[in-house]
Amino acid sequence: MLHTDMMGRTVRVVDNPRRIISLVPSQTELLYDLGLSEELVGLTKFCVHPDEWFRTKTRVGGTKSLHIAQILNLNPDLVIGNKEENLQTEIYALEQHVPVWMSDIYSLEDALVMIRSMGVVVGKAERAQMLADEVAQGFSRLYLPEIKGKKVAYLIWNNPIMVAAANTFIDDILGVLGMENVFTGLSRYPECSLEDIKNAAPDFILLSSEPYPFKERHLNEFREAVPRANVLLVDGEMFSWYGSRLKRAPAYFESIFATDGR
């Protein structure tokens, strides 16, 4: 059957594929929640959820360092990737031999489209539609007046400091929460200085758990540098994973902001 992926590419995929490889952690977890335990034959070393798959399924390298020969040896009838998380050269090498369906996600709405579309491709359309509806309803009920209009800086890396700016899924989620990203005038994941953060005068500084693992010791560093800001350690998966983990995100946001909003 012919499918159009989120990059506008036409991909021919067999009905109900039986040997699937996922190259993206959040989409791996989605495949699990769609009930594809037998069909999933390969994943990346960063696909840590669910743990049982991480421990038992074949790992085919990192998201940007794929083991192409190993993937082909697994004889997949479908490989699932993402424009941002995977390298174009590696995807091109794979698609010369096997069907590769790609997502391209910048917003919560994109994530809902991906969930529904992937469900169709893997033969789980009804289950995927129910999951997307659950995510959409969870976010529609989310109400956090404590942080509405608050200025925020979301840090993804340290030494050098890097932030999530415009044209990222994280930026869209911050907007969904009603927050104003102080670096929305920049694009993607720019480097910035501590002085840049001070000058932006954020009400919140969010230190993500991934890809850089900010820890408790970093809290005091940023609190001393920007004393006016409420500095929090946050679960990066809740802000950046665009698969079925989104089911849990609204409750998580309520748990951290309902008490910490100023």
Protein backbone atom coordinates (compact mmCIF):
# COMPACT_ATOMS: atom_id res chain seq x y z
CA MET A 1 0.00 0.00 0.00
CA LEU A 2 1.21 3.53 -0.75
CA HIS A 3 1.49 6.00 2.13
CA THR A 4 2.61 9.63 2.22
CA ASP A 5 4.90 10.33 5.15
CA MET A 6 5.28 13.65 6.97
CA MET A 7 8.03 14.79 4.62
CA GLY A 8 5.68 14.39 1.66
CA ARG A 9 7.43 11.26 0.42
CA THR A 10 5.48 8.36 -1.05
CA VAL A 11 6.39 5.13 0.71
CA ARG A 12 5.19 1.66 -0.32
CA VAL A 13 4.57 -0.44 2.79
CA VAL A 14 3.10 -3.93 3.00
CA ASP A 15 -0.22 -4.18 4.83
CA ASN A 16 0.29 -4.88 8.54
CA PRO A 17 4.12 -4.93 8.49
CA ARG A 18 5.61 -7.74 10.52
CA ARG A 19 9.25 -6.63 10.92
CA ILE A 20 9.51 -3.02 12.08
CA ILE A 21 12.59 -1.05 13.13
CA SER A 22 12.22 2.26 14.96
CA LEU A 23 15.00 4.84 14.85
CA VAL A 24 13.42 7.33 17.29
CA PRO A 25 12.89 6.81 21.04
CA SER A 26 9.51 8.53 21.36
CA GLN A 27 8.14 6.67 18.35
CA THR A 28 9.48 3.37 19.68
CA GLU A 29 7.42 3.88 22.82
CA LEU A 30 4.41 4.68 20.64
CA LEU A 31 4.80 1.40 18.78
CA TYR A 32 4.82 -0.40 22.12
CA ASP A 33 1.62 1.31 23.19
CA LEU A 34 0.07 0.35 19.87
CA GLY A 35 0.66 -3.29 20.78
CA LEU A 36 3.45 -4.17 18.36
CA SER A 37 5.70 -6.23 20.64
CA GLU A 38 6.10 -9.08 18.18
CA GLU A 39 6.54 -6.83 15.15
CA LEU A 40 9.27 -4.55 16.54
CA VAL A 41 12.62 -6.19 15.74
CA GLY A 42 15.07 -3.29 16.15
CA LEU A 43 15.56 0.02 17.95
CA THR A 44 18.32 2.48 18.85
CA LYS A 45 20.47 2.58 21.95
CA PHE A 46 18.49 5.64 23.06
CA CYS A 47 15.12 3.86 22.92
CA VAL A 48 15.01 3.32 26.67
CA HIS A 49 11.22 3.01 26.97
CA PRO A 50 9.82 0.49 27.47
CA ASP A 51 12.60 -1.11 29.49
CA GLU A 52 11.64 -4.63 28.43
CA TRP A 53 12.21 -3.70 24.77
CA PHE A 54 15.45 -1.89 25.58
CA ARG A 55 16.73 -5.03 27.29
CA THR A 56 15.54 -7.61 24.76
CA LYS A 57 15.28 -6.04 21.29
CA THR A 58 18.20 -5.67 18.88
CA ARG A 59 19.91 -2.28 19.10
CA VAL A 60 20.95 -0.88 15.75
CA GLY A 61 23.18 2.02 16.82
CA GLY A 62 22.35 5.59 17.79
CA THR A 63 19.80 7.86 16.20
CA LYS A 64 22.60 9.61 14.28
CA SER A 65 25.01 6.67 14.08
CA LEU A 66 22.97 3.83 12.66
CA HIS A 67 24.43 0.43 11.85
CA ILE A 68 23.08 0.22 8.31
CA ALA A 69 24.25 -3.33 7.57
CA GLN A 70 22.79 -4.61 10.82
CA ILE A 71 19.44 -2.97 10.04
CA LEU A 72 19.32 -4.55 6.60
CA ASN A 73 20.30 -7.94 8.02
CA LEU A 74 17.20 -7.79 10.22
CA ASN A 75 15.19 -7.80 6.98
CA PRO A 76 12.68 -5.11 8.02
CA ASP A 77 9.55 -4.48 6.00
CA LEU A 78 9.27 -1.01 7.58
CA VAL A 79 11.75 1.43 9.13
CA ILE A 80 10.38 4.46 11.00
CA GLY A 81 12.49 7.60 11.47
CA ASN A 82 12.33 11.36 12.00
CA LYS A 83 13.74 14.26 9.98
CA GLU A 84 15.39 15.98 12.94
CA GLU A 85 16.60 12.98 14.90
CA ASN A 86 18.10 10.95 12.06
CA LEU A 87 20.75 11.85 9.48
CA GLN A 88 19.63 12.37 5.89
CA THR A 89 22.59 10.38 4.55
CA GLU A 90 21.77 7.36 6.69
CA ILE A 91 18.07 7.50 5.84
CA TYR A 92 18.94 7.72 2.15
CA ALA A 93 21.17 4.65 2.46
CA LEU A 94 18.34 2.69 4.06
CA GLU A 95 15.60 3.71 1.68
CA GLN A 96 17.54 2.28 -1.25
CA HIS A 97 16.69 -1.14 0.18
CA VAL A 98 13.70 -0.95 2.55
CA PRO A 99 10.60 1.23 3.06
CA VAL A 100 11.36 4.17 5.39
CA TRP A 101 8.48 6.24 6.78
CA MET A 102 9.57 9.61 8.20
CA SER A 103 7.94 11.99 10.66
CA ASP A 104 8.61 15.73 10.76
CA ILE A 105 7.36 17.32 13.97
CA TYR A 106 7.40 20.88 15.26
CA SER A 107 4.17 21.10 17.25
CA LEU A 108 1.68 19.22 19.37
CA GLU A 109 -0.65 19.14 16.37
CA ASP A 110 2.13 17.56 14.29
CA ALA A 111 2.55 14.92 16.99
CA LEU A 112 -1.16 14.08 16.85
CA VAL A 113 -0.95 13.77 13.07
CA MET A 114 2.06 11.48 13.44
CA ILE A 115 0.29 9.22 15.95
CA ARG A 116 -2.75 8.82 13.71
CA SER A 117 -0.72 8.42 10.51
CA MET A 118 1.69 5.91 11.98
CA GLY A 119 -1.26 3.93 13.27
CA VAL A 120 -2.55 3.61 9.72
CA VAL A 121 0.86 2.56 8.36
CA VAL A 122 1.37 -0.20 10.96
CA GLY A 123 -2.19 -1.48 10.85
CA LYS A 124 -3.31 -0.05 14.19
CA ALA A 125 -5.44 2.88 12.99
CA GLU A 126 -8.26 2.55 15.52
CA ARG A 127 -5.94 2.17 18.49
CA ALA A 128 -3.83 5.11 17.33
CA GLN A 129 -6.91 7.30 16.88
CA MET A 130 -8.01 6.54 20.44
CA LEU A 131 -4.54 7.38 21.72
CA ALA A 132 -4.40 10.66 19.80
CA ASP A 133 -7.85 11.59 21.12
CA GLU A 134 -6.68 10.84 24.68
CA VAL A 135 -3.64 13.09 24.26
CA ALA A 136 -5.68 15.91 22.70
CA GLN A 137 -8.29 15.75 25.45
CA GLY A 138 -5.62 15.77 28.15
CA PHE A 139 -4.09 18.95 26.79
CA SER A 140 -7.49 20.57 26.21
CA ARG A 141 -8.23 20.19 29.93
CA LEU A 142 -4.84 21.55 30.99
CA TYR A 143 -5.24 24.86 32.80
CA LEU A 144 -2.28 26.52 34.49
CA PRO A 145 -3.08 30.17 35.26
CA GLU A 146 -0.04 30.28 37.54
CA ILE A 147 2.32 30.33 34.56
CA LYS A 148 0.21 31.95 31.85
CA GLY A 149 2.24 34.72 30.21
CA LYS A 150 5.36 33.93 32.23
CA LYS A 151 8.70 34.27 30.46
CA VAL A 152 10.77 31.10 30.27
CA ALA A 153 14.20 29.90 29.16
CA TYR A 154 14.47 26.17 28.44
CA LEU A 155 18.04 24.84 28.60
CA ILE A 156 19.03 21.63 26.82
CA TRP A 157 22.83 21.80 27.22
CA ASN A 158 25.55 23.19 29.44
CA ASN A 159 29.11 24.29 28.63
CA PRO A 160 28.19 25.73 26.23
CA ILE A 161 24.68 26.68 27.25
CA MET A 162 22.15 25.79 24.57
CA VAL A 163 18.45 26.60 24.63
CA ALA A 164 15.32 25.52 22.80
CA ALA A 165 14.20 28.40 20.60
CA ALA A 166 11.66 28.82 17.78
CA ASN A 167 10.83 26.04 15.30
CA THR A 168 11.15 23.29 17.89
CA PHE A 169 8.62 20.96 19.47
CA ILE A 170 9.71 22.18 22.91
CA ASP A 171 8.93 25.79 21.98
CA ASP A 172 5.44 24.77 20.86
CA ILE A 173 4.81 22.90 24.12
CA LEU A 174 5.89 25.96 26.11
CA GLY A 175 3.38 27.97 24.09
CA VAL A 176 0.66 25.39 24.71
CA LEU A 177 1.34 25.84 28.42
CA GLY A 178 0.82 29.58 27.99
CA MET A 179 4.45 30.53 28.57
CA GLU A 180 6.56 32.98 26.55
CA ASN A 181 9.89 31.61 25.36
CA VAL A 182 12.44 34.41 25.82
CA PHE A 183 14.49 32.99 22.95
CA THR A 184 11.66 32.67 20.46
CA GLY A 185 13.42 35.28 18.29
CA LEU A 186 16.15 32.71 17.61
CA SER A 187 15.82 29.42 15.75
CA ARG A 188 16.23 25.81 16.78
CA TYR A 189 18.88 25.18 19.48
CA PRO A 190 21.27 28.14 19.62
CA GLU A 191 24.16 28.62 21.99
CA CYS A 192 23.82 31.51 24.41
CA SER A 193 25.68 32.94 27.37
CA LEU A 194 24.67 33.32 30.97
CA GLU A 195 24.61 37.05 30.29
CA ASP A 196 22.10 36.47 27.48
CA ILE A 197 19.83 34.66 29.90
CA LYS A 198 20.16 37.42 32.50
CA ASN A 199 19.31 40.07 29.92
CA ALA A 200 16.27 38.09 28.76
CA ALA A 201 14.93 38.29 32.34
CA PRO A 202 13.00 35.00 32.41
CA ASP A 203 10.54 34.26 35.19
CA PHE A 204 11.45 30.57 34.83
CA ILE A 205 14.61 28.75 33.87
CA LEU A 206 13.91 25.11 33.08
CA LEU A 207 16.88 22.74 33.21
CA SER A 208 16.10 19.66 31.16
CA SER A 209 17.09 16.12 32.06
CA GLU A 210 18.04 15.47 28.42
CA PRO A 211 20.03 15.58 26.24
CA TYR A 212 22.28 17.17 28.88
CA PRO A 213 21.55 15.64 32.30
CA PHE A 214 21.16 18.73 34.48
CA LYS A 215 21.31 17.81 38.18
CA GLU A 216 20.56 19.36 41.56
CA ARG A 217 24.00 20.97 41.69
CA HIS A 218 23.13 23.10 38.67
CA LEU A 219 20.11 24.63 40.39
CA ASN A 220 22.16 26.80 42.72
CA GLU A 221 24.48 27.89 39.91
CA PHE A 222 21.61 29.34 37.88
CA ARG A 223 19.73 30.62 40.93
CA GLU A 224 22.78 32.63 41.96
CA ALA A 225 23.30 33.91 38.44
CA VAL A 226 19.65 34.85 37.83
CA PRO A 227 18.11 35.33 41.29
CA ARG A 228 14.80 36.67 39.97
CA ALA A 229 14.08 33.43 38.11
CA ASN A 230 12.35 30.32 39.39
CA VAL A 231 14.84 27.60 38.40
CA LEU A 232 13.47 24.07 38.04
CA LEU A 233 14.80 20.69 37.02
CA VAL A 234 12.35 19.20 34.54
CA ASP A 235 11.82 15.86 32.84
CA GLY A 236 12.96 16.48 29.28
CA GLU A 237 10.96 13.52 27.98
CA MET A 238 7.73 15.27 28.94
CA PHE A 239 8.67 18.36 26.93
CA SER A 240 10.29 16.73 23.91
CA TRP A 241 8.97 13.19 23.38
CA TYR A 242 6.16 13.45 20.86
CA GLY A 243 4.76 9.93 20.99
CA SER A 244 2.50 8.22 23.48
CA ARG A 245 4.40 9.74 26.43
CA LEU A 246 2.25 12.80 25.72
CA LYS A 247 -0.54 10.99 27.56
CA ARG A 248 1.34 11.61 30.80
CA ALA A 249 2.51 15.13 30.05
CA PRO A 250 -0.50 17.20 31.21
CA ALA A 251 -0.50 15.60 34.67
CA TYR A 252 3.26 16.13 34.88
CA PHE A 253 2.99 19.81 33.94
CA GLU A 254 0.33 20.30 36.59
CA SER A 255 2.53 18.62 39.17
CA ILE A 256 5.50 20.91 38.60
CA PHE A 257 3.83 24.22 37.80
CA ALA A 258 0.73 24.26 39.99
CA THR A 259 2.97 24.66 43.04
CA ASP A 260 5.92 26.49 41.47
CA GLY A 261 4.15 29.13 39.43
CA ARG A 262 4.63 32.69 40.57
